[in-house]
């Protein structure tokens, strides 16, 4: 069984980000570029994003460690970032510069990583051990 290191790294980063939004959403929100205290509705959305990211990151990490096909989880990860980017574009003009750079820039990078991971060939060892 071969570990997919790229998926392990990407999944671990998404998992850690998700957990940070669950453990301390206010601090995580500041890390992502918003220095102000979020409203209760925003805090709900931050926690929801944390659950989403922890789930996708955890599943991507688990698939990587088990030597399973990770392309679908990469696609889910990129899709989550695409949804964040689309939502952010609608409020782009009301965002602080730090939020635009960190939040929207991070989403663009996440989409790229997700698409790369979803379209890459499976590692050779994973192909050989896959059931027919």
N, C-alpha and C. Protein backbone atom coordinates (compact mmCIF):
# COMPACT_ATOMS: atom_id res chain seq x y z
N UNK A 1 0.85 -1.17 0.00
CA UNK A 1 0.00 0.00 0.00
C UNK A 1 0.90 1.24 0.00
N UNK A 2 0.65 2.12 -0.96
CA UNK A 2 1.44 3.32 -1.11
C UNK A 2 0.65 4.54 -0.66
N UNK A 3 1.29 5.40 0.09
CA UNK A 3 0.66 6.63 0.57
C UNK A 3 0.77 7.70 -0.52
N UNK A 4 -0.33 8.37 -0.80
CA UNK A 4 -0.36 9.48 -1.75
C UNK A 4 0.05 10.73 -0.98
N UNK A 5 1.32 11.08 -1.09
CA UNK A 5 1.86 12.18 -0.28
C UNK A 5 1.22 13.53 -0.61
N UNK A 6 0.97 13.79 -1.89
CA UNK A 6 0.36 15.07 -2.27
C UNK A 6 -1.03 15.18 -1.65
N UNK A 7 -1.80 14.11 -1.70
CA UNK A 7 -3.14 14.12 -1.11
C UNK A 7 -3.05 14.23 0.41
N UNK A 8 -2.05 13.61 1.00
CA UNK A 8 -1.87 13.69 2.45
C UNK A 8 -1.59 15.12 2.87
N UNK A 9 -0.74 15.82 2.14
CA UNK A 9 -0.43 17.21 2.46
C UNK A 9 -1.66 18.10 2.28
N UNK A 10 -2.32 17.98 1.12
CA UNK A 10 -3.50 18.82 0.85
C UNK A 10 -4.62 18.53 1.84
N UNK A 11 -4.85 17.26 2.12
CA UNK A 11 -5.90 16.89 3.07
C UNK A 11 -5.59 17.36 4.48
N UNK A 12 -4.35 17.24 4.89
CA UNK A 12 -3.96 17.68 6.23
C UNK A 12 -4.13 19.19 6.41
N UNK A 13 -3.79 19.95 5.37
CA UNK A 13 -3.95 21.41 5.44
C UNK A 13 -5.43 21.77 5.56
N UNK A 14 -6.28 21.13 4.74
CA UNK A 14 -7.72 21.42 4.79
C UNK A 14 -8.31 20.97 6.12
N UNK A 15 -7.89 19.81 6.61
CA UNK A 15 -8.36 19.31 7.90
C UNK A 15 -7.97 20.27 9.02
N UNK A 16 -6.71 20.72 9.03
CA UNK A 16 -6.25 21.65 10.07
C UNK A 16 -7.01 22.97 10.00
N UNK A 17 -7.25 23.46 8.80
CA UNK A 17 -8.02 24.70 8.65
C UNK A 17 -9.43 24.52 9.19
N UNK A 18 -10.06 23.41 8.85
CA UNK A 18 -11.41 23.14 9.34
C UNK A 18 -11.46 23.05 10.85
N UNK A 19 -10.51 22.33 11.43
CA UNK A 19 -10.48 22.19 12.89
C UNK A 19 -10.26 23.54 13.55
N UNK A 20 -9.43 24.39 12.95
CA UNK A 20 -9.19 25.71 13.54
C UNK A 20 -10.47 26.54 13.58
N UNK A 21 -11.33 26.40 12.57
CA UNK A 21 -12.60 27.13 12.57
C UNK A 21 -13.59 26.54 13.57
N UNK A 22 -13.42 25.29 13.93
CA UNK A 22 -14.30 24.68 14.93
C UNK A 22 -13.83 24.99 16.35
N UNK A 23 -12.54 24.97 16.56
CA UNK A 23 -11.98 25.19 17.90
C UNK A 23 -12.09 26.66 18.31
N UNK A 24 -11.69 27.56 17.43
CA UNK A 24 -11.71 28.99 17.74
C UNK A 24 -12.05 29.78 16.47
N UNK A 25 -13.34 29.84 16.12
CA UNK A 25 -13.72 30.50 14.86
C UNK A 25 -13.34 31.98 14.80
N UNK A 26 -13.32 32.66 15.93
CA UNK A 26 -12.98 34.08 15.92
C UNK A 26 -11.50 34.29 15.57
N UNK A 27 -10.65 33.49 16.17
CA UNK A 27 -9.21 33.59 15.88
C UNK A 27 -8.92 33.16 14.45
N UNK A 28 -9.56 32.09 14.00
CA UNK A 28 -9.36 31.62 12.62
C UNK A 28 -9.83 32.68 11.63
N UNK A 29 -10.92 33.33 11.93
CA UNK A 29 -11.44 34.38 11.06
C UNK A 29 -10.44 35.54 10.95
N UNK A 30 -9.80 35.88 12.07
CA UNK A 30 -8.77 36.93 12.03
C UNK A 30 -7.58 36.48 11.19
N UNK A 31 -7.21 35.22 11.31
CA UNK A 31 -6.09 34.68 10.52
C UNK A 31 -6.38 34.79 9.02
N UNK A 32 -7.65 34.65 8.64
CA UNK A 32 -8.04 34.73 7.24
C UNK A 32 -8.34 36.16 6.80
N UNK A 33 -7.95 37.15 7.60
CA UNK A 33 -7.97 38.53 7.12
C UNK A 33 -9.05 39.43 7.66
N UNK A 34 -9.89 38.98 8.59
CA UNK A 34 -10.94 39.83 9.12
C UNK A 34 -10.63 40.21 10.56
N UNK A 35 -10.22 41.46 10.80
CA UNK A 35 -9.83 41.86 12.15
C UNK A 35 -11.01 42.15 13.08
N UNK A 36 -12.22 42.23 12.55
CA UNK A 36 -13.38 42.62 13.36
C UNK A 36 -14.10 41.41 13.95
N UNK A 37 -14.87 41.67 15.00
CA UNK A 37 -15.69 40.65 15.65
C UNK A 37 -16.85 40.27 14.72
N UNK A 38 -16.96 39.00 14.35
CA UNK A 38 -18.05 38.61 13.45
C UNK A 38 -19.39 38.56 14.18
N UNK A 39 -20.46 38.76 13.42
CA UNK A 39 -21.81 38.67 13.97
C UNK A 39 -22.12 37.21 14.29
N UNK A 40 -23.17 36.95 15.08
CA UNK A 40 -23.54 35.56 15.36
C UNK A 40 -23.83 34.74 14.10
N UNK A 41 -24.46 35.35 13.09
CA UNK A 41 -24.72 34.64 11.84
C UNK A 41 -23.41 34.27 11.15
N UNK A 42 -22.47 35.20 11.15
CA UNK A 42 -21.16 34.92 10.55
C UNK A 42 -20.46 33.81 11.32
N UNK A 43 -20.58 33.81 12.64
CA UNK A 43 -19.96 32.74 13.44
C UNK A 43 -20.55 31.38 13.09
N UNK A 44 -21.86 31.33 12.85
CA UNK A 44 -22.50 30.09 12.42
C UNK A 44 -21.91 29.62 11.09
N UNK A 45 -21.75 30.54 10.16
CA UNK A 45 -21.20 30.18 8.86
C UNK A 45 -19.74 29.76 8.96
N UNK A 46 -18.98 30.39 9.85
CA UNK A 46 -17.59 30.00 10.06
C UNK A 46 -17.51 28.57 10.58
N UNK A 47 -18.37 28.23 11.53
CA UNK A 47 -18.39 26.87 12.06
C UNK A 47 -18.83 25.87 10.98
N UNK A 48 -19.81 26.25 10.18
CA UNK A 48 -20.25 25.38 9.09
C UNK A 48 -19.10 25.12 8.12
N UNK A 49 -18.37 26.16 7.80
CA UNK A 49 -17.21 26.01 6.92
C UNK A 49 -16.17 25.12 7.59
N UNK A 50 -16.03 25.25 8.89
CA UNK A 50 -15.08 24.39 9.62
C UNK A 50 -15.46 22.93 9.53
N UNK A 51 -16.74 22.61 9.71
CA UNK A 51 -17.18 21.21 9.59
C UNK A 51 -16.94 20.70 8.18
N UNK A 52 -17.29 21.52 7.19
CA UNK A 52 -17.09 21.13 5.79
C UNK A 52 -15.62 20.84 5.50
N UNK A 53 -14.76 21.77 5.89
CA UNK A 53 -13.34 21.61 5.60
C UNK A 53 -12.72 20.45 6.37
N UNK A 54 -13.14 20.27 7.62
CA UNK A 54 -12.63 19.14 8.40
C UNK A 54 -13.06 17.81 7.77
N UNK A 55 -14.29 17.74 7.31
CA UNK A 55 -14.78 16.51 6.68
C UNK A 55 -14.03 16.22 5.38
N UNK A 56 -13.95 17.20 4.49
CA UNK A 56 -13.27 16.99 3.22
C UNK A 56 -11.79 16.69 3.45
N UNK A 57 -11.15 17.47 4.31
CA UNK A 57 -9.74 17.24 4.61
C UNK A 57 -9.50 15.88 5.24
N UNK A 58 -10.37 15.49 6.16
CA UNK A 58 -10.23 14.18 6.80
C UNK A 58 -10.40 13.04 5.82
N UNK A 59 -11.37 13.15 4.94
CA UNK A 59 -11.59 12.09 3.96
C UNK A 59 -10.47 12.03 2.93
N UNK A 60 -9.95 13.17 2.52
CA UNK A 60 -8.81 13.20 1.59
C UNK A 60 -7.59 12.60 2.26
N UNK A 61 -7.35 12.94 3.51
CA UNK A 61 -6.22 12.38 4.25
C UNK A 61 -6.37 10.88 4.43
N UNK A 62 -7.57 10.43 4.79
CA UNK A 62 -7.80 8.99 4.98
C UNK A 62 -7.58 8.22 3.68
N UNK A 63 -8.09 8.74 2.58
CA UNK A 63 -7.90 8.08 1.29
C UNK A 63 -6.42 8.02 0.93
N UNK A 64 -5.69 9.10 1.22
CA UNK A 64 -4.26 9.15 0.92
C UNK A 64 -3.50 8.09 1.73
N UNK A 65 -3.83 7.98 3.01
CA UNK A 65 -3.14 7.02 3.89
C UNK A 65 -3.47 5.57 3.53
N UNK A 66 -4.65 5.34 3.00
CA UNK A 66 -5.06 3.98 2.64
C UNK A 66 -4.66 3.60 1.22
N UNK A 67 -4.07 4.53 0.49
CA UNK A 67 -3.66 4.24 -0.88
C UNK A 67 -4.84 4.18 -1.84
N UNK A 68 -5.95 4.81 -1.49
CA UNK A 68 -7.15 4.82 -2.33
C UNK A 68 -7.09 5.97 -3.33
N UNK A 69 -7.98 5.92 -4.29
CA UNK A 69 -8.09 6.99 -5.27
C UNK A 69 -8.54 8.26 -4.56
N UNK A 70 -7.78 9.32 -4.70
CA UNK A 70 -8.07 10.57 -3.99
C UNK A 70 -8.67 11.64 -4.91
N UNK A 71 -8.82 11.32 -6.18
CA UNK A 71 -9.25 12.35 -7.14
C UNK A 71 -10.61 12.95 -6.79
N UNK A 72 -11.55 12.15 -6.35
CA UNK A 72 -12.87 12.67 -5.99
C UNK A 72 -12.82 13.63 -4.81
N UNK A 73 -11.96 13.33 -3.84
CA UNK A 73 -11.84 14.23 -2.68
C UNK A 73 -11.11 15.51 -3.05
N UNK A 74 -10.15 15.41 -4.00
CA UNK A 74 -9.53 16.64 -4.50
C UNK A 74 -10.58 17.50 -5.19
N UNK A 75 -11.46 16.86 -5.97
CA UNK A 75 -12.51 17.60 -6.66
C UNK A 75 -13.47 18.25 -5.66
N UNK A 76 -13.82 17.53 -4.60
CA UNK A 76 -14.68 18.11 -3.56
C UNK A 76 -14.00 19.30 -2.90
N UNK A 77 -12.71 19.19 -2.66
CA UNK A 77 -11.95 20.27 -2.05
C UNK A 77 -11.94 21.50 -2.95
N UNK A 78 -11.65 21.30 -4.23
CA UNK A 78 -11.66 22.41 -5.17
C UNK A 78 -13.05 23.01 -5.32
N UNK A 79 -14.08 22.16 -5.29
CA UNK A 79 -15.45 22.63 -5.38
C UNK A 79 -15.84 23.50 -4.19
N UNK A 80 -15.38 23.12 -3.01
CA UNK A 80 -15.66 23.92 -1.81
C UNK A 80 -15.01 25.30 -1.95
N UNK A 81 -13.79 25.32 -2.48
CA UNK A 81 -13.11 26.61 -2.68
C UNK A 81 -13.78 27.42 -3.78
N UNK A 82 -14.30 26.74 -4.81
CA UNK A 82 -15.02 27.46 -5.88
C UNK A 82 -16.28 28.11 -5.31
N UNK A 83 -16.98 27.41 -4.43
CA UNK A 83 -18.16 27.99 -3.79
C UNK A 83 -17.78 29.20 -2.94
N UNK A 84 -16.67 29.11 -2.22
CA UNK A 84 -16.20 30.25 -1.42
C UNK A 84 -15.85 31.43 -2.32
N UNK A 85 -15.20 31.16 -3.44
CA UNK A 85 -14.82 32.24 -4.36
C UNK A 85 -16.05 32.90 -4.95
N UNK A 86 -17.02 32.10 -5.38
CA UNK A 86 -18.25 32.67 -5.93
C UNK A 86 -18.98 33.53 -4.91
N UNK A 87 -19.03 33.05 -3.68
CA UNK A 87 -19.65 33.84 -2.62
C UNK A 87 -18.89 35.11 -2.34
N UNK A 88 -17.58 35.03 -2.39
CA UNK A 88 -16.74 36.19 -2.12
C UNK A 88 -16.79 37.24 -3.21
N UNK A 89 -16.97 36.81 -4.45
CA UNK A 89 -17.03 37.76 -5.56
C UNK A 89 -18.24 38.68 -5.40
N UNK A 90 -19.32 38.15 -4.86
CA UNK A 90 -20.52 38.95 -4.66
C UNK A 90 -20.36 40.07 -3.64
N UNK A 91 -19.42 39.93 -2.74
CA UNK A 91 -19.20 40.96 -1.71
C UNK A 91 -17.79 41.54 -1.80
N UNK A 92 -17.14 41.32 -2.92
CA UNK A 92 -15.76 41.75 -3.13
C UNK A 92 -15.56 43.23 -2.79
N UNK A 93 -16.49 44.06 -3.22
CA UNK A 93 -16.36 45.50 -3.01
C UNK A 93 -16.49 45.92 -1.54
N UNK A 94 -17.04 45.04 -0.70
CA UNK A 94 -17.21 45.35 0.73
C UNK A 94 -16.14 44.70 1.59
N UNK A 95 -15.22 43.97 0.98
CA UNK A 95 -14.17 43.27 1.73
C UNK A 95 -12.96 44.18 1.93
N UNK A 96 -12.30 44.00 3.04
CA UNK A 96 -11.04 44.70 3.30
C UNK A 96 -9.97 44.10 2.38
N UNK A 97 -8.93 44.86 2.05
CA UNK A 97 -7.88 44.33 1.19
C UNK A 97 -7.27 43.01 1.70
N UNK A 98 -7.08 42.91 3.01
CA UNK A 98 -6.52 41.66 3.56
C UNK A 98 -7.45 40.48 3.33
N UNK A 99 -8.77 40.72 3.41
CA UNK A 99 -9.73 39.65 3.17
C UNK A 99 -9.71 39.22 1.71
N UNK A 100 -9.56 40.18 0.82
CA UNK A 100 -9.50 39.85 -0.61
C UNK A 100 -8.27 39.01 -0.92
N UNK A 101 -7.15 39.43 -0.41
CA UNK A 101 -5.90 38.71 -0.71
C UNK A 101 -5.90 37.33 -0.08
N UNK A 102 -6.20 37.25 1.20
CA UNK A 102 -6.11 35.98 1.90
C UNK A 102 -7.29 35.07 1.56
N UNK A 103 -8.50 35.60 1.69
CA UNK A 103 -9.69 34.78 1.47
C UNK A 103 -9.90 34.38 0.03
N UNK A 104 -9.96 35.37 -0.86
CA UNK A 104 -10.20 35.07 -2.26
C UNK A 104 -8.96 34.47 -2.93
N UNK A 105 -7.78 34.96 -2.55
CA UNK A 105 -6.55 34.37 -3.09
C UNK A 105 -6.38 32.92 -2.66
N UNK A 106 -6.70 32.64 -1.41
CA UNK A 106 -6.64 31.25 -0.93
C UNK A 106 -7.62 30.35 -1.67
N UNK A 107 -8.80 30.88 -1.98
CA UNK A 107 -9.79 30.10 -2.72
C UNK A 107 -9.29 29.78 -4.12
N UNK A 108 -8.66 30.76 -4.77
CA UNK A 108 -8.12 30.53 -6.12
C UNK A 108 -7.05 29.44 -6.08
N UNK A 109 -6.16 29.51 -5.11
CA UNK A 109 -5.12 28.49 -4.97
C UNK A 109 -5.76 27.13 -4.69
N UNK A 110 -6.76 27.10 -3.81
CA UNK A 110 -7.45 25.86 -3.49
C UNK A 110 -8.14 25.24 -4.70
N UNK A 111 -8.74 26.07 -5.54
CA UNK A 111 -9.36 25.56 -6.77
C UNK A 111 -8.30 24.93 -7.66
N UNK A 112 -7.17 25.61 -7.80
CA UNK A 112 -6.08 25.07 -8.62
C UNK A 112 -5.58 23.74 -8.11
N UNK A 113 -5.37 23.64 -6.80
CA UNK A 113 -4.90 22.38 -6.21
C UNK A 113 -5.96 21.29 -6.39
N UNK A 114 -7.22 21.64 -6.19
CA UNK A 114 -8.30 20.67 -6.36
C UNK A 114 -8.38 20.14 -7.78
N UNK A 115 -8.29 21.04 -8.75
CA UNK A 115 -8.34 20.61 -10.15
C UNK A 115 -7.11 19.78 -10.52
N UNK A 116 -5.95 20.21 -10.04
CA UNK A 116 -4.74 19.43 -10.29
C UNK A 116 -4.89 18.02 -9.73
N UNK A 117 -5.31 17.92 -8.48
CA UNK A 117 -5.45 16.62 -7.85
C UNK A 117 -6.51 15.75 -8.49
N UNK A 118 -7.59 16.38 -8.97
CA UNK A 118 -8.69 15.62 -9.57
C UNK A 118 -8.35 15.11 -10.96
N UNK A 119 -7.42 15.77 -11.64
CA UNK A 119 -7.10 15.38 -13.02
C UNK A 119 -5.79 14.63 -13.16
N UNK A 120 -5.04 14.51 -12.09
CA UNK A 120 -3.74 13.83 -12.20
C UNK A 120 -3.93 12.32 -12.26
N UNK A 121 -2.93 11.68 -12.77
CA UNK A 121 -2.96 10.21 -12.80
C UNK A 121 -2.76 9.69 -11.39
N UNK A 122 -3.37 8.57 -11.12
CA UNK A 122 -3.18 7.93 -9.82
C UNK A 122 -1.73 7.48 -9.69
N UNK A 123 -1.19 7.53 -8.48
CA UNK A 123 0.16 7.00 -8.29
C UNK A 123 0.21 5.53 -8.73
N UNK A 124 1.33 5.14 -9.31
CA UNK A 124 1.47 3.81 -9.90
C UNK A 124 1.12 2.70 -8.94
N UNK A 125 1.59 2.77 -7.70
CA UNK A 125 1.33 1.70 -6.74
C UNK A 125 -0.17 1.56 -6.46
N UNK A 126 -0.90 2.68 -6.45
CA UNK A 126 -2.33 2.62 -6.20
C UNK A 126 -3.06 1.94 -7.35
N UNK A 127 -2.59 2.17 -8.60
CA UNK A 127 -3.20 1.54 -9.75
C UNK A 127 -3.02 0.03 -9.71
N UNK A 128 -1.84 -0.41 -9.29
CA UNK A 128 -1.54 -1.84 -9.27
C UNK A 128 -2.34 -2.56 -8.20
N UNK A 129 -2.64 -1.89 -7.08
CA UNK A 129 -3.35 -2.57 -6.00
C UNK A 129 -4.85 -2.41 -6.06
N UNK A 130 -5.34 -1.62 -7.05
CA UNK A 130 -6.78 -1.41 -7.17
C UNK A 130 -7.46 -2.69 -7.64
N UNK A 131 -8.63 -3.02 -7.06
CA UNK A 131 -9.34 -4.22 -7.48
C UNK A 131 -9.87 -4.07 -8.89
N UNK A 132 -9.91 -5.15 -9.61
CA UNK A 132 -10.40 -5.13 -10.98
C UNK A 132 -11.90 -5.23 -11.07
